[in-house]
Amino acid sequence: MSVKASTSNDTDRARLAAIISRKARRSRGAVLVEYAFLLTAVAIPVLAGISAGGVQMLNQYRAARTSIMAPIP
């Protein structure tokens, strides 16, 4: 009788381990999707800002670089 009870406990433990493993995989997948959404939510406004003001920003950078690098009169 104890052998059968031991086998039943082992089977229950194996089932529990399988359930926990499945839930952990789902959780990891959900976290990955969440990070992808977060990255997208940050990347789109950054790219829009760079494309909107990129040329003007580049011109200002070049003017500042030129004035800094110019020899002092």
Protein backbone atom coordinates (compact mmCIF):
# COMPACT_ATOMS: atom_id res chain seq x y z
CA MET A 1 0.00 0.00 0.00
CA SER A 2 2.80 2.42 0.72
CA VAL A 3 4.38 1.74 -2.69
CA LYS A 4 1.13 2.68 -4.40
CA ALA A 5 0.80 5.82 -2.29
CA SER A 6 4.38 6.76 -3.10
CA THR A 7 3.74 6.30 -6.82
CA SER A 8 0.60 8.41 -6.56
CA ASN A 9 2.51 11.19 -4.77
CA ASP A 10 5.24 11.08 -7.41
CA THR A 11 2.64 11.31 -10.18
CA ASP A 12 0.96 14.25 -8.43
CA ARG A 13 4.31 15.98 -8.04
CA ALA A 14 5.14 15.40 -11.71
CA ARG A 15 1.77 16.87 -12.75
CA LEU A 16 2.29 19.85 -10.47
CA ALA A 17 5.79 20.40 -11.86
CA ALA A 18 4.43 20.26 -15.42
CA ILE A 19 1.71 22.82 -14.61
CA ILE A 20 4.21 25.16 -12.98
CA SER A 21 6.56 24.79 -15.95
CA ARG A 22 3.78 25.65 -18.41
CA LYS A 23 2.76 28.70 -16.39
CA ALA A 24 6.39 29.86 -16.17
CA ARG A 25 6.78 29.59 -19.97
CA ARG A 26 3.57 31.54 -20.52
CA SER A 27 4.73 34.17 -18.07
CA ARG A 28 8.09 34.50 -19.81
CA GLY A 29 6.32 34.86 -23.14
CA ALA A 30 4.01 37.51 -21.73
CA VAL A 31 6.95 39.45 -20.34
CA LEU A 32 8.71 39.29 -23.71
CA VAL A 33 5.62 40.65 -25.47
CA GLU A 34 5.30 43.37 -22.84
CA TYR A 35 8.91 44.47 -23.40
CA ALA A 36 8.37 44.47 -27.16
CA PHE A 37 5.36 46.77 -26.75
CA LEU A 38 7.31 49.03 -24.42
CA LEU A 39 10.23 49.23 -26.84
CA THR A 40 7.85 50.06 -29.68
CA ALA A 41 6.08 52.70 -27.58
CA VAL A 42 9.42 54.41 -26.94
CA ALA A 43 11.00 53.91 -30.37
CA ILE A 44 8.18 55.39 -32.45
CA PRO A 45 8.16 58.83 -30.75
CA VAL A 46 11.97 58.95 -30.75
CA LEU A 47 12.12 58.22 -34.47
CA ALA A 48 9.35 60.74 -35.16
CA GLY A 49 11.23 63.41 -33.18
CA ILE A 50 14.49 62.72 -34.94
CA SER A 51 12.88 62.80 -38.36
CA ALA A 52 10.95 65.99 -37.55
CA GLY A 53 13.87 67.98 -36.18
CA GLY A 54 16.82 66.02 -37.47
CA VAL A 55 18.00 68.37 -40.22
CA GLN A 56 17.67 71.47 -38.05
CA MET A 57 19.43 69.70 -35.17
CA LEU A 58 22.26 68.62 -37.47
CA ASN A 59 22.73 72.17 -38.76
CA GLN A 60 22.86 73.54 -35.20
CA TYR A 61 25.39 70.87 -34.23
CA ARG A 62 27.60 71.74 -37.19
CA ALA A 63 27.44 75.46 -36.37
CA ALA A 64 28.36 74.82 -32.74
CA ARG A 65 31.19 72.49 -33.74
CA THR A 66 32.54 75.07 -36.19
CA SER A 67 32.50 77.85 -33.60
CA ILE A 68 34.18 75.65 -30.98
CA MET A 69 36.87 74.41 -33.36
CA ALA A 70 37.58 77.86 -34.82
CA PRO A 71 40.86 79.37 -33.72
CA ILE A 72 40.58 82.18 -31.23
CA PRO A 73 41.23 85.55 -32.97
